[in-house]
Amino acid sequence: MLVVNTEQVVGKEIEFSLGVVKGNTVQARHIGKDIMGGLRNIVGGRMKEYEEMFIDARNYAEQEMIREAEALGADAIVNVRYTTSSIMEGSSEILVYGTAVKFK
């Protein structure tokens, strides 16, 4: 599945839109990651534990969006956007959405 953040795909002509597709996940912090993150917060440096957690969450949300587009018979998803929000202390949502399209 071609996934782009542009409205068009170079060299392709969009025949029609199949609608908005989306994927999301809510990720809660893990006590082990909190301990390591807390130590890094004291001494400084990248918080790799949280980075890995959010990379996994983004990948999961993106795969959900792709599955939804495939179910519609899409050739691509254009104009893709990511957003995050805090649900409650210690957890956040990652939402990815775009427009599923068919090419001519």
C-alpha atoms as a PDB file:
ATOM      1  CA  MET A   1       0.000   0.000   0.000  1.00  0.00           C
ATOM      2  CA  LEU A   2       1.396   3.365  -1.013  1.00  0.00           C
ATOM      3  CA  VAL A   3       1.111   5.823   1.907  1.00  0.00           C
ATOM      4  CA  VAL A   4       2.016   9.491   1.327  1.00  0.00           C
ATOM      5  CA  ASN A   5       1.472  12.795   3.087  1.00  0.00           C
ATOM      6  CA  THR A   6       0.866  14.671  -0.180  1.00  0.00           C
ATOM      7  CA  GLU A   7      -2.471  15.229  -1.919  1.00  0.00           C
ATOM      8  CA  GLN A   8      -1.257  13.668  -5.174  1.00  0.00           C
ATOM      9  CA  VAL A   9       1.178  10.944  -6.209  1.00  0.00           C
ATOM     10  CA  VAL A  10       3.642  11.934  -8.907  1.00  0.00           C
ATOM     11  CA  GLY A  11       2.983   9.951 -12.083  1.00  0.00           C
ATOM     12  CA  LYS A  12      -0.413   8.685 -10.922  1.00  0.00           C
ATOM     13  CA  GLU A  13      -3.885  10.049 -11.560  1.00  0.00           C
ATOM     14  CA  ILE A  14      -6.471   9.594  -8.844  1.00  0.00           C
ATOM     15  CA  GLU A  15      -9.705   8.228 -10.298  1.00  0.00           C
ATOM     16  CA  PHE A  16     -11.781   8.598  -7.150  1.00  0.00           C
ATOM     17  CA  SER A  17     -11.655   8.821  -3.383  1.00  0.00           C
ATOM     18  CA  LEU A  18     -12.889   5.951  -1.241  1.00  0.00           C
ATOM     19  CA  GLY A  19     -13.095   8.103   1.892  1.00  0.00           C
ATOM     20  CA  VAL A  20     -11.164   8.727   5.060  1.00  0.00           C
ATOM     21  CA  VAL A  21      -9.382   5.770   6.650  1.00  0.00           C
ATOM     22  CA  LYS A  22      -7.873   5.788  10.098  1.00  0.00           C
ATOM     23  CA  GLY A  23      -6.040   3.787  12.694  1.00  0.00           C
ATOM     24  CA  ASN A  24      -5.417   4.512  16.327  1.00  0.00           C
ATOM     25  CA  THR A  25      -3.997   3.095  19.495  1.00  0.00           C
ATOM     26  CA  VAL A  26      -3.883   4.143  23.129  1.00  0.00           C
ATOM     27  CA  GLN A  27      -0.543   3.491  24.763  1.00  0.00           C
ATOM     28  CA  ALA A  28      -0.023   3.386  28.524  1.00  0.00           C
ATOM     29  CA  ARG A  29       3.323   3.844  30.206  1.00  0.00           C
ATOM     30  CA  HIS A  30       5.104   0.796  31.579  1.00  0.00           C
ATOM     31  CA  ILE A  31       6.557   0.869  35.104  1.00  0.00           C
ATOM     32  CA  GLY A  32       9.907  -0.504  33.896  1.00  0.00           C
ATOM     33  CA  LYS A  33      10.134   2.162  31.216  1.00  0.00           C
ATOM     34  CA  ASP A  34       9.116   4.817  33.772  1.00  0.00           C
ATOM     35  CA  ILE A  35      12.006   3.846  36.052  1.00  0.00           C
ATOM     36  CA  MET A  36      14.557   4.042  33.223  1.00  0.00           C
ATOM     37  CA  GLY A  37      12.941   7.207  31.849  1.00  0.00           C
ATOM     38  CA  GLY A  38      13.058   8.788  35.303  1.00  0.00           C
ATOM     39  CA  LEU A  39      16.768   8.047  35.594  1.00  0.00           C
ATOM     40  CA  ARG A  40      17.406   9.556  32.156  1.00  0.00           C
ATOM     41  CA  ASN A  41      15.394  12.597  33.198  1.00  0.00           C
ATOM     42  CA  ILE A  42      17.856  13.110  36.058  1.00  0.00           C
ATOM     43  CA  VAL A  43      21.091  12.597  34.099  1.00  0.00           C
ATOM     44  CA  GLY A  44      19.858  13.797  30.706  1.00  0.00           C
ATOM     45  CA  GLY A  45      19.840  12.138  27.316  1.00  0.00           C
ATOM     46  CA  ARG A  46      17.355  10.616  24.932  1.00  0.00           C
ATOM     47  CA  MET A  47      14.525   8.651  26.475  1.00  0.00           C
ATOM     48  CA  LYS A  48      14.939   5.590  24.251  1.00  0.00           C
ATOM     49  CA  GLU A  49      12.408   3.556  26.229  1.00  0.00           C
ATOM     50  CA  TYR A  50       9.637   6.005  25.395  1.00  0.00           C
ATOM     51  CA  GLU A  51      10.828   6.440  21.816  1.00  0.00           C
ATOM     52  CA  GLU A  52      10.555   2.686  21.227  1.00  0.00           C
ATOM     53  CA  MET A  53       7.106   2.613  22.812  1.00  0.00           C
ATOM     54  CA  PHE A  54       5.841   5.402  20.535  1.00  0.00           C
ATOM     55  CA  ILE A  55       7.441   3.910  17.422  1.00  0.00           C
ATOM     56  CA  ASP A  56       5.574   0.658  18.112  1.00  0.00           C
ATOM     57  CA  ALA A  57       2.334   2.558  18.730  1.00  0.00           C
ATOM     58  CA  ARG A  58       2.684   4.583  15.493  1.00  0.00           C
ATOM     59  CA  ASN A  59       3.402   1.417  13.504  1.00  0.00           C
ATOM     60  CA  TYR A  60       0.355  -0.308  14.978  1.00  0.00           C
ATOM     61  CA  ALA A  61      -1.928   2.655  14.183  1.00  0.00           C
ATOM     62  CA  GLU A  62      -0.549   2.897  10.639  1.00  0.00           C
ATOM     63  CA  GLN A  63      -1.152  -0.813  10.015  1.00  0.00           C
ATOM     64  CA  GLU A  64      -4.761  -0.424  11.204  1.00  0.00           C
ATOM     65  CA  MET A  65      -5.241   2.413   8.710  1.00  0.00           C
ATOM     66  CA  ILE A  66      -3.721   0.344   5.892  1.00  0.00           C
ATOM     67  CA  ARG A  67      -5.975  -2.638   6.688  1.00  0.00           C
ATOM     68  CA  GLU A  68      -9.021  -0.355   6.487  1.00  0.00           C
ATOM     69  CA  ALA A  69      -7.861   0.998   3.103  1.00  0.00           C
ATOM     70  CA  GLU A  70      -7.176  -2.512   1.772  1.00  0.00           C
ATOM     71  CA  ALA A  71     -10.692  -3.588   2.786  1.00  0.00           C
ATOM     72  CA  LEU A  72     -12.019  -0.756   0.590  1.00  0.00           C
ATOM     73  CA  GLY A  73      -9.845  -1.856  -2.355  1.00  0.00           C
ATOM     74  CA  ALA A  74      -7.642   1.245  -2.256  1.00  0.00           C
ATOM     75  CA  ASP A  75      -4.445   1.615  -4.253  1.00  0.00           C
ATOM     76  CA  ALA A  76      -3.010   4.251  -1.940  1.00  0.00           C
ATOM     77  CA  ILE A  77      -3.622   6.506   1.023  1.00  0.00           C
ATOM     78  CA  VAL A  78      -2.907  10.180   0.415  1.00  0.00           C
ATOM     79  CA  ASN A  79      -2.746  13.255   2.622  1.00  0.00           C
ATOM     80  CA  VAL A  80      -1.756  11.163   5.664  1.00  0.00           C
ATOM     81  CA  ARG A  81      -1.575  12.912   9.033  1.00  0.00           C
ATOM     82  CA  TYR A  82      -0.582  11.817  12.524  1.00  0.00           C
ATOM     83  CA  THR A  83      -1.862  13.294  15.748  1.00  0.00           C
ATOM     84  CA  THR A  84      -1.396  12.504  19.417  1.00  0.00           C
ATOM     85  CA  SER A  85      -3.348  13.419  22.506  1.00  0.00           C
ATOM     86  CA  SER A  86      -3.191  12.708  26.189  1.00  0.00           C
ATOM     87  CA  ILE A  87      -6.069  10.530  27.366  1.00  0.00           C
ATOM     88  CA  MET A  88      -5.178  10.574  31.046  1.00  0.00           C
ATOM     89  CA  GLU A  89      -1.991  10.826  33.051  1.00  0.00           C
ATOM     90  CA  GLY A  90       0.294   8.039  31.917  1.00  0.00           C
ATOM     91  CA  SER A  91      -1.382   7.263  28.598  1.00  0.00           C
ATOM     92  CA  SER A  92      -1.763   8.823  25.186  1.00  0.00           C
ATOM     93  CA  GLU A  93      -3.526   8.171  21.903  1.00  0.00           C
ATOM     94  CA  ILE A  94      -1.903   8.085  18.502  1.00  0.00           C
ATOM     95  CA  LEU A  95      -4.234   8.608  15.551  1.00  0.00           C
ATOM     96  CA  VAL A  96      -3.233   8.359  11.900  1.00  0.00           C
ATOM     97  CA  TYR A  97      -5.653   9.176   9.090  1.00  0.00           C
ATOM     98  CA  GLY A  98      -5.706   9.832   5.380  1.00  0.00           C
ATOM     99  CA  THR A  99      -7.786   9.499   2.229  1.00  0.00           C
ATOM    100  CA  ALA A 100      -8.007   6.102   0.531  1.00  0.00           C
ATOM    101  CA  VAL A 101      -7.915   6.438  -3.265  1.00  0.00           C
ATOM    102  CA  LYS A 102      -8.093   4.407  -6.484  1.00  0.00           C
ATOM    103  CA  PHE A 103      -5.822   5.245  -9.408  1.00  0.00           C
ATOM    104  CA  LYS A 104      -6.886   5.312 -13.049  1.00  0.00           C
END
